[in-house]
N, C-alpha and C. Protein backbone atom coordinates (compact mmCIF):
# COMPACT_ATOMS: atom_id res chain seq x y z
N MET A 1 -25.54 8.41 -3.83
CA MET A 1 -24.46 8.72 -2.91
C MET A 1 -24.96 8.59 -1.48
N LEU A 2 -24.08 8.20 -0.61
CA LEU A 2 -24.44 8.02 0.79
C LEU A 2 -24.60 9.37 1.48
N ASP A 3 -25.56 9.43 2.43
CA ASP A 3 -25.67 10.65 3.21
C ASP A 3 -24.76 10.53 4.44
N ILE A 4 -24.64 11.61 5.18
CA ILE A 4 -23.73 11.66 6.32
C ILE A 4 -24.07 10.59 7.37
N GLU A 5 -25.33 10.35 7.63
CA GLU A 5 -25.72 9.36 8.63
C GLU A 5 -25.28 7.96 8.21
N GLN A 6 -25.42 7.62 6.93
CA GLN A 6 -24.99 6.31 6.44
C GLN A 6 -23.47 6.18 6.56
N ILE A 7 -22.75 7.26 6.29
CA ILE A 7 -21.29 7.23 6.41
C ILE A 7 -20.90 7.03 7.87
N ARG A 8 -21.58 7.72 8.79
CA ARG A 8 -21.31 7.53 10.22
C ARG A 8 -21.54 6.07 10.64
N GLU A 9 -22.62 5.47 10.14
CA GLU A 9 -22.91 4.07 10.47
C GLU A 9 -21.80 3.15 9.94
N LEU A 10 -21.31 3.43 8.74
CA LEU A 10 -20.21 2.64 8.19
C LEU A 10 -18.95 2.78 9.04
N ILE A 11 -18.67 4.00 9.48
CA ILE A 11 -17.48 4.22 10.32
C ILE A 11 -17.62 3.47 11.64
N GLU A 12 -18.80 3.52 12.26
CA GLU A 12 -19.03 2.78 13.50
C GLU A 12 -18.86 1.28 13.28
N MET A 13 -19.34 0.77 12.14
CA MET A 13 -19.18 -0.65 11.82
C MET A 13 -17.70 -0.99 11.64
N MET A 14 -16.94 -0.08 11.01
CA MET A 14 -15.51 -0.31 10.82
C MET A 14 -14.80 -0.42 12.17
N VAL A 15 -15.12 0.51 13.09
CA VAL A 15 -14.48 0.51 14.41
C VAL A 15 -14.87 -0.75 15.18
N LYS A 16 -16.17 -1.08 15.18
CA LYS A 16 -16.66 -2.24 15.91
C LYS A 16 -16.02 -3.53 15.42
N ASN A 17 -15.82 -3.66 14.11
CA ASN A 17 -15.27 -4.89 13.52
C ASN A 17 -13.78 -4.80 13.23
N ASP A 18 -13.15 -3.72 13.70
CA ASP A 18 -11.70 -3.51 13.52
C ASP A 18 -11.28 -3.60 12.05
N LEU A 19 -12.07 -2.96 11.18
CA LEU A 19 -11.74 -2.91 9.76
C LEU A 19 -10.93 -1.65 9.48
N LEU A 20 -9.93 -1.75 8.60
CA LEU A 20 -9.12 -0.60 8.25
C LEU A 20 -9.69 0.18 7.07
N GLU A 21 -10.41 -0.51 6.18
CA GLU A 21 -10.89 0.18 4.98
C GLU A 21 -12.13 -0.50 4.42
N ILE A 22 -13.02 0.34 3.88
CA ILE A 22 -14.21 -0.15 3.17
C ILE A 22 -14.30 0.63 1.87
N SER A 23 -14.58 -0.06 0.77
CA SER A 23 -14.79 0.58 -0.53
C SER A 23 -16.17 0.21 -1.04
N LEU A 24 -16.91 1.23 -1.47
CA LEU A 24 -18.24 1.02 -2.03
C LEU A 24 -18.30 1.66 -3.40
N ARG A 25 -18.99 1.01 -4.34
CA ARG A 25 -19.13 1.56 -5.68
C ARG A 25 -20.58 1.41 -6.11
N ASP A 26 -21.14 2.50 -6.63
CA ASP A 26 -22.49 2.50 -7.18
C ASP A 26 -22.41 3.15 -8.55
N GLY A 27 -22.36 2.31 -9.58
CA GLY A 27 -22.20 2.86 -10.93
C GLY A 27 -20.84 3.50 -11.08
N GLU A 28 -20.81 4.79 -11.39
CA GLU A 28 -19.55 5.50 -11.58
C GLU A 28 -19.05 6.15 -10.29
N GLU A 29 -19.87 6.18 -9.24
CA GLU A 29 -19.47 6.80 -7.99
C GLU A 29 -18.83 5.76 -7.09
N GLU A 30 -17.76 6.19 -6.39
CA GLU A 30 -17.05 5.29 -5.50
C GLU A 30 -16.71 6.04 -4.23
N VAL A 31 -16.87 5.37 -3.09
CA VAL A 31 -16.53 5.94 -1.79
C VAL A 31 -15.60 4.97 -1.09
N ASN A 32 -14.47 5.47 -0.59
CA ASN A 32 -13.52 4.67 0.18
C ASN A 32 -13.41 5.29 1.56
N LEU A 33 -13.59 4.47 2.59
CA LEU A 33 -13.40 4.91 3.97
C LEU A 33 -12.19 4.18 4.51
N ARG A 34 -11.26 4.94 5.09
CA ARG A 34 -10.02 4.34 5.60
C ARG A 34 -9.74 4.87 6.99
N ARG A 35 -9.50 3.95 7.93
CA ARG A 35 -9.10 4.32 9.29
C ARG A 35 -7.59 4.31 9.36
N PRO A 36 -7.02 5.16 10.19
CA PRO A 36 -5.56 5.11 10.36
C PRO A 36 -5.16 3.82 11.05
N ASN A 37 -3.99 3.35 10.71
CA ASN A 37 -3.45 2.12 11.30
C ASN A 37 -2.34 2.52 12.25
N GLN A 38 -2.29 1.95 13.44
CA GLN A 38 -1.27 2.31 14.42
C GLN A 38 0.13 2.03 13.89
N THR A 39 0.34 0.89 13.21
CA THR A 39 1.64 0.57 12.63
C THR A 39 2.02 1.62 11.61
N LEU A 40 1.06 2.01 10.80
CA LEU A 40 1.29 3.00 9.77
C LEU A 40 1.62 4.33 10.42
N ALA A 41 0.95 4.70 11.51
CA ALA A 41 1.18 5.98 12.17
C ALA A 41 2.59 6.03 12.76
N VAL A 42 3.07 4.91 13.29
CA VAL A 42 4.41 4.88 13.84
C VAL A 42 5.44 4.98 12.73
N ALA A 43 5.22 4.28 11.61
CA ALA A 43 6.16 4.29 10.50
C ALA A 43 6.22 5.64 9.80
N ALA A 44 5.12 6.35 9.78
CA ALA A 44 5.08 7.65 9.10
C ALA A 44 4.61 8.69 10.11
N THR A 45 5.51 9.16 10.95
CA THR A 45 5.14 10.04 12.04
C THR A 45 4.63 11.39 11.56
N GLU A 46 4.92 11.76 10.33
CA GLU A 46 4.43 13.05 9.84
C GLU A 46 2.96 13.02 9.46
N MET A 47 2.36 11.84 9.40
CA MET A 47 0.94 11.74 9.07
C MET A 47 0.11 12.06 10.30
N ILE A 48 -1.02 12.71 10.13
CA ILE A 48 -1.92 13.06 11.22
C ILE A 48 -3.04 12.05 11.25
N ALA A 49 -3.28 11.44 12.42
CA ALA A 49 -4.35 10.45 12.55
C ALA A 49 -5.70 11.16 12.58
N GLN A 50 -6.65 10.61 11.84
CA GLN A 50 -8.01 11.12 11.81
C GLN A 50 -8.93 9.93 12.01
N PRO A 51 -10.18 10.15 12.50
CA PRO A 51 -11.09 9.03 12.73
C PRO A 51 -11.32 8.21 11.47
N ALA A 52 -11.54 8.87 10.36
CA ALA A 52 -11.71 8.19 9.08
C ALA A 52 -11.56 9.22 7.98
N ALA A 53 -11.03 8.80 6.87
CA ALA A 53 -10.88 9.69 5.73
C ALA A 53 -11.84 9.24 4.65
N ILE A 54 -12.47 10.18 3.99
CA ILE A 54 -13.38 9.87 2.90
C ILE A 54 -12.69 10.31 1.62
N ILE A 55 -12.50 9.36 0.73
CA ILE A 55 -11.78 9.63 -0.50
C ILE A 55 -12.65 9.21 -1.66
N ALA A 56 -12.97 10.13 -2.55
CA ALA A 56 -13.71 9.80 -3.76
C ALA A 56 -12.70 9.62 -4.88
N ALA A 57 -12.80 8.51 -5.57
CA ALA A 57 -11.82 8.23 -6.62
C ALA A 57 -12.51 7.72 -7.87
N GLN A 58 -11.92 8.01 -8.99
CA GLN A 58 -12.40 7.50 -10.27
C GLN A 58 -11.55 6.28 -10.61
N PRO A 59 -12.11 5.28 -11.26
CA PRO A 59 -11.30 4.13 -11.66
C PRO A 59 -10.17 4.58 -12.57
N GLN A 60 -8.98 4.03 -12.35
CA GLN A 60 -7.82 4.39 -13.15
C GLN A 60 -7.28 3.14 -13.82
N PRO A 61 -6.80 3.28 -15.06
CA PRO A 61 -6.20 2.13 -15.72
C PRO A 61 -4.91 1.73 -15.01
N VAL A 62 -4.62 0.45 -15.04
CA VAL A 62 -3.43 -0.05 -14.39
C VAL A 62 -2.45 -0.56 -15.44
N ALA A 63 -1.17 -0.29 -15.22
CA ALA A 63 -0.15 -0.76 -16.14
C ALA A 63 0.04 -2.26 -15.96
N ALA A 64 0.44 -2.95 -17.01
CA ALA A 64 0.67 -4.39 -16.96
C ALA A 64 1.93 -4.68 -16.16
N ALA A 65 1.98 -5.85 -15.56
CA ALA A 65 3.16 -6.25 -14.80
C ALA A 65 4.35 -6.40 -15.73
N THR A 66 5.52 -6.01 -15.24
CA THR A 66 6.72 -6.08 -16.05
C THR A 66 7.68 -7.10 -15.47
N PRO A 67 8.44 -7.79 -16.32
CA PRO A 67 9.40 -8.76 -15.82
C PRO A 67 10.57 -8.06 -15.11
N VAL A 68 11.25 -8.78 -14.24
CA VAL A 68 12.39 -8.24 -13.53
C VAL A 68 13.59 -8.17 -14.48
N PRO A 69 14.26 -7.02 -14.58
CA PRO A 69 15.42 -6.92 -15.46
C PRO A 69 16.53 -7.88 -15.03
N ALA A 70 17.27 -8.38 -16.01
CA ALA A 70 18.34 -9.35 -15.74
C ALA A 70 19.44 -8.73 -14.89
N ALA A 71 19.65 -7.41 -14.98
CA ALA A 71 20.72 -6.74 -14.23
C ALA A 71 20.52 -6.89 -12.72
N ILE A 72 19.29 -7.05 -12.28
CA ILE A 72 19.01 -7.18 -10.86
C ILE A 72 19.62 -8.46 -10.31
N GLU A 73 19.57 -9.51 -11.10
CA GLU A 73 20.06 -10.80 -10.64
C GLU A 73 21.57 -10.80 -10.43
N GLU A 74 22.29 -9.81 -10.99
CA GLU A 74 23.74 -9.78 -10.89
C GLU A 74 24.22 -9.33 -9.51
N ASP A 75 23.45 -8.54 -8.79
CA ASP A 75 23.86 -8.03 -7.48
C ASP A 75 23.38 -8.98 -6.40
N ASN A 76 24.26 -9.90 -5.99
CA ASN A 76 23.90 -10.94 -5.03
C ASN A 76 23.77 -10.41 -3.60
N ASP A 77 24.25 -9.20 -3.32
CA ASP A 77 24.19 -8.64 -1.98
C ASP A 77 22.80 -8.14 -1.61
N LEU A 78 21.95 -7.92 -2.61
CA LEU A 78 20.63 -7.35 -2.36
C LEU A 78 19.60 -8.43 -2.07
N ILE A 79 18.65 -8.08 -1.21
CA ILE A 79 17.57 -8.99 -0.85
C ILE A 79 16.27 -8.42 -1.41
N GLU A 80 15.47 -9.28 -2.01
CA GLU A 80 14.20 -8.85 -2.59
C GLU A 80 13.10 -8.82 -1.54
N ILE A 81 12.24 -7.81 -1.65
CA ILE A 81 10.95 -7.84 -0.96
C ILE A 81 9.96 -8.14 -2.08
N SER A 82 9.33 -9.30 -2.02
CA SER A 82 8.48 -9.77 -3.10
C SER A 82 7.00 -9.67 -2.73
N SER A 83 6.17 -9.67 -3.75
CA SER A 83 4.72 -9.61 -3.55
C SER A 83 4.21 -10.96 -3.05
N PRO A 84 3.48 -10.97 -1.94
CA PRO A 84 2.94 -12.23 -1.43
C PRO A 84 1.62 -12.62 -2.10
N MET A 85 1.16 -11.79 -3.06
CA MET A 85 -0.13 -12.05 -3.70
C MET A 85 -0.22 -11.31 -5.03
N VAL A 86 -1.24 -11.64 -5.79
CA VAL A 86 -1.57 -10.90 -7.01
C VAL A 86 -2.38 -9.69 -6.58
N GLY A 87 -2.09 -8.54 -7.15
CA GLY A 87 -2.85 -7.35 -6.78
C GLY A 87 -2.33 -6.11 -7.46
N THR A 88 -2.74 -4.96 -6.96
CA THR A 88 -2.30 -3.67 -7.47
C THR A 88 -1.42 -3.01 -6.42
N TYR A 89 -0.23 -2.60 -6.83
CA TYR A 89 0.77 -2.00 -5.94
C TYR A 89 0.48 -0.51 -5.74
N TYR A 90 0.52 -0.08 -4.49
CA TYR A 90 0.41 1.35 -4.17
C TYR A 90 1.56 1.72 -3.24
N ALA A 91 2.30 2.76 -3.60
CA ALA A 91 3.48 3.18 -2.85
C ALA A 91 3.13 3.97 -1.60
N SER A 92 1.92 4.53 -1.53
CA SER A 92 1.54 5.37 -0.40
C SER A 92 0.12 5.02 0.05
N PRO A 93 -0.27 5.43 1.26
CA PRO A 93 -1.60 5.09 1.76
C PRO A 93 -2.72 5.79 1.01
N ASP A 94 -2.45 6.95 0.42
CA ASP A 94 -3.42 7.65 -0.41
C ASP A 94 -2.66 8.58 -1.35
N PRO A 95 -3.32 9.10 -2.39
CA PRO A 95 -2.61 9.90 -3.40
C PRO A 95 -1.91 11.15 -2.86
N GLU A 96 -2.38 11.71 -1.75
CA GLU A 96 -1.78 12.93 -1.22
C GLU A 96 -0.61 12.67 -0.28
N SER A 97 -0.43 11.45 0.16
CA SER A 97 0.62 11.12 1.14
C SER A 97 1.91 10.72 0.44
N PRO A 98 3.04 10.91 1.13
CA PRO A 98 4.32 10.47 0.57
C PRO A 98 4.40 8.93 0.56
N ALA A 99 5.30 8.42 -0.26
CA ALA A 99 5.50 6.97 -0.34
C ALA A 99 5.98 6.42 1.00
N PHE A 100 5.64 5.17 1.29
CA PHE A 100 6.09 4.54 2.53
C PHE A 100 7.61 4.49 2.59
N VAL A 101 8.25 4.15 1.46
CA VAL A 101 9.72 4.08 1.40
C VAL A 101 10.21 4.75 0.13
N GLN A 102 11.43 5.26 0.18
CA GLN A 102 12.09 5.89 -0.96
C GLN A 102 13.41 5.16 -1.21
N VAL A 103 13.90 5.24 -2.43
CA VAL A 103 15.22 4.69 -2.73
C VAL A 103 16.23 5.45 -1.87
N GLY A 104 17.10 4.71 -1.20
CA GLY A 104 18.06 5.30 -0.28
C GLY A 104 17.56 5.37 1.15
N GLY A 105 16.27 5.12 1.34
CA GLY A 105 15.69 5.16 2.68
C GLY A 105 15.94 3.87 3.44
N LYS A 106 15.88 3.97 4.75
CA LYS A 106 16.10 2.81 5.62
C LYS A 106 14.77 2.13 5.91
N VAL A 107 14.80 0.80 5.97
CA VAL A 107 13.64 0.01 6.38
C VAL A 107 14.06 -0.89 7.53
N HIS A 108 13.09 -1.25 8.37
CA HIS A 108 13.35 -2.19 9.45
C HIS A 108 12.31 -3.29 9.40
N VAL A 109 12.59 -4.38 10.05
CA VAL A 109 11.68 -5.53 10.03
C VAL A 109 10.32 -5.11 10.60
N GLY A 110 9.26 -5.42 9.86
CA GLY A 110 7.91 -5.08 10.29
C GLY A 110 7.42 -3.73 9.79
N MET A 111 8.28 -2.96 9.13
CA MET A 111 7.89 -1.64 8.61
C MET A 111 7.06 -1.81 7.35
N VAL A 112 5.95 -1.06 7.24
CA VAL A 112 5.11 -1.10 6.04
C VAL A 112 5.89 -0.46 4.89
N VAL A 113 6.01 -1.19 3.77
CA VAL A 113 6.74 -0.67 2.61
C VAL A 113 5.82 -0.31 1.45
N CYS A 114 4.60 -0.89 1.43
CA CYS A 114 3.65 -0.58 0.37
C CYS A 114 2.30 -1.19 0.73
N ILE A 115 1.33 -0.95 -0.14
CA ILE A 115 0.01 -1.56 0.01
C ILE A 115 -0.29 -2.31 -1.28
N LEU A 116 -0.85 -3.50 -1.16
CA LEU A 116 -1.32 -4.25 -2.31
C LEU A 116 -2.83 -4.39 -2.19
N GLU A 117 -3.53 -3.99 -3.24
CA GLU A 117 -4.98 -4.12 -3.27
C GLU A 117 -5.34 -5.38 -4.03
N ALA A 118 -6.14 -6.21 -3.40
CA ALA A 118 -6.62 -7.43 -4.03
C ALA A 118 -8.11 -7.56 -3.70
N MET A 119 -8.94 -7.53 -4.71
CA MET A 119 -10.39 -7.64 -4.55
C MET A 119 -10.93 -6.59 -3.58
N LYS A 120 -10.49 -5.37 -3.75
CA LYS A 120 -10.94 -4.21 -2.95
C LYS A 120 -10.53 -4.30 -1.48
N VAL A 121 -9.58 -5.16 -1.16
CA VAL A 121 -9.02 -5.24 0.18
C VAL A 121 -7.60 -4.71 0.10
N PHE A 122 -7.26 -3.76 0.96
CA PHE A 122 -5.94 -3.15 0.95
C PHE A 122 -5.08 -3.82 2.01
N ASN A 123 -4.00 -4.47 1.56
CA ASN A 123 -3.13 -5.25 2.43
C ASN A 123 -1.79 -4.54 2.58
N GLU A 124 -1.39 -4.31 3.83
CA GLU A 124 -0.09 -3.70 4.08
C GLU A 124 0.99 -4.77 3.91
N ILE A 125 2.02 -4.43 3.16
CA ILE A 125 3.15 -5.33 2.97
C ILE A 125 4.28 -4.80 3.84
N LYS A 126 4.83 -5.68 4.67
CA LYS A 126 5.85 -5.27 5.64
C LYS A 126 7.20 -5.88 5.28
N ALA A 127 8.24 -5.13 5.58
CA ALA A 127 9.60 -5.59 5.32
C ALA A 127 9.93 -6.76 6.25
N GLU A 128 10.63 -7.73 5.71
CA GLU A 128 11.10 -8.86 6.51
C GLU A 128 12.61 -8.80 6.68
N VAL A 129 13.19 -7.66 6.28
CA VAL A 129 14.63 -7.46 6.36
C VAL A 129 14.89 -5.99 6.71
N ALA A 130 15.97 -5.74 7.42
CA ALA A 130 16.37 -4.37 7.74
C ALA A 130 17.50 -3.98 6.80
N GLY A 131 17.47 -2.74 6.33
CA GLY A 131 18.53 -2.28 5.45
C GLY A 131 18.15 -1.02 4.72
N THR A 132 18.81 -0.80 3.57
CA THR A 132 18.60 0.39 2.75
C THR A 132 17.95 -0.02 1.44
N VAL A 133 16.89 0.69 1.05
CA VAL A 133 16.21 0.41 -0.21
C VAL A 133 17.10 0.88 -1.35
N GLU A 134 17.52 -0.05 -2.20
CA GLU A 134 18.38 0.28 -3.33
C GLU A 134 17.58 0.56 -4.60
N ARG A 135 16.48 -0.18 -4.79
CA ARG A 135 15.67 0.01 -5.99
C ARG A 135 14.21 -0.31 -5.71
N THR A 136 13.33 0.45 -6.35
CA THR A 136 11.91 0.13 -6.39
C THR A 136 11.66 -0.43 -7.78
N LEU A 137 11.09 -1.62 -7.86
CA LEU A 137 10.99 -2.32 -9.13
C LEU A 137 9.63 -2.21 -9.82
N VAL A 138 8.66 -1.56 -9.18
CA VAL A 138 7.34 -1.42 -9.76
C VAL A 138 6.89 0.04 -9.64
N LYS A 139 5.93 0.40 -10.45
CA LYS A 139 5.39 1.76 -10.44
C LYS A 139 4.07 1.77 -9.69
N ASN A 140 3.72 2.95 -9.17
CA ASN A 140 2.47 3.10 -8.45
C ASN A 140 1.30 2.71 -9.33
N ALA A 141 0.33 2.00 -8.75
CA ALA A 141 -0.90 1.53 -9.42
C ALA A 141 -0.62 0.46 -10.47
N GLN A 142 0.52 -0.19 -10.39
CA GLN A 142 0.87 -1.26 -11.33
C GLN A 142 0.37 -2.60 -10.80
N ALA A 143 -0.12 -3.43 -11.70
CA ALA A 143 -0.52 -4.79 -11.35
C ALA A 143 0.74 -5.62 -11.09
N VAL A 144 0.69 -6.41 -10.02
CA VAL A 144 1.84 -7.27 -9.70
C VAL A 144 1.36 -8.71 -9.54
N GLU A 145 2.28 -9.63 -9.74
CA GLU A 145 2.00 -11.06 -9.64
C GLU A 145 2.55 -11.61 -8.33
N PHE A 146 2.07 -12.78 -7.94
CA PHE A 146 2.59 -13.46 -6.77
C PHE A 146 4.09 -13.72 -6.95
N GLY A 147 4.89 -13.36 -5.95
CA GLY A 147 6.33 -13.60 -6.01
C GLY A 147 7.11 -12.58 -6.79
N GLN A 148 6.46 -11.60 -7.41
CA GLN A 148 7.17 -10.58 -8.18
C GLN A 148 7.95 -9.67 -7.23
N PRO A 149 9.24 -9.44 -7.50
CA PRO A 149 10.02 -8.54 -6.65
C PRO A 149 9.47 -7.11 -6.72
N LEU A 150 9.34 -6.49 -5.54
CA LEU A 150 8.86 -5.11 -5.45
C LEU A 150 10.00 -4.14 -5.15
N PHE A 151 10.91 -4.56 -4.25
CA PHE A 151 12.03 -3.72 -3.84
C PHE A 151 13.28 -4.57 -3.73
N LEU A 152 14.44 -3.91 -3.88
CA LEU A 152 15.71 -4.53 -3.57
C LEU A 152 16.31 -3.78 -2.40
N VAL A 153 16.71 -4.53 -1.37
CA VAL A 153 17.20 -3.93 -0.13
C VAL A 153 18.61 -4.45 0.12
N ARG A 154 19.51 -3.51 0.45
CA ARG A 154 20.85 -3.89 0.88
C ARG A 154 20.79 -4.08 2.39
N PRO A 155 20.97 -5.31 2.88
CA PRO A 155 20.82 -5.57 4.32
C PRO A 155 21.87 -4.84 5.15
N GLN A 156 21.51 -4.56 6.39
CA GLN A 156 22.43 -3.87 7.31
C GLN A 156 23.54 -4.78 7.74
């Protein structure tokens, strides 16, 4: 396990290189360092910004990707927010935080709606449409495919 000085050095490296997150794994131990993101702080004003958060996590099994139900295709008024990559879907920035968006919640263009993890890199997915979230089509920690619909939004 890393000592405090090594963690401080990693945090300084993150700030210097403008990195948002670093994940390290040594056997069964894992350390994730995450810096707050200004876009994320604006979108979720109830979150408190901290220099860096240290989160220890155990590997968790991921559910398999599921096909989009046929009923979704019937509502032509809704716009999909789709996955731009293969990865693991996360509804919130960390397990203790609320989801970025809820069904019935409003989204605006550029608002972070979820995080996709691909090869230990956490990518913020932003809405490209403004409106109301009608459905969330994936579950937290679920594997998703490129182009797979994540949300259905009723445009404003």
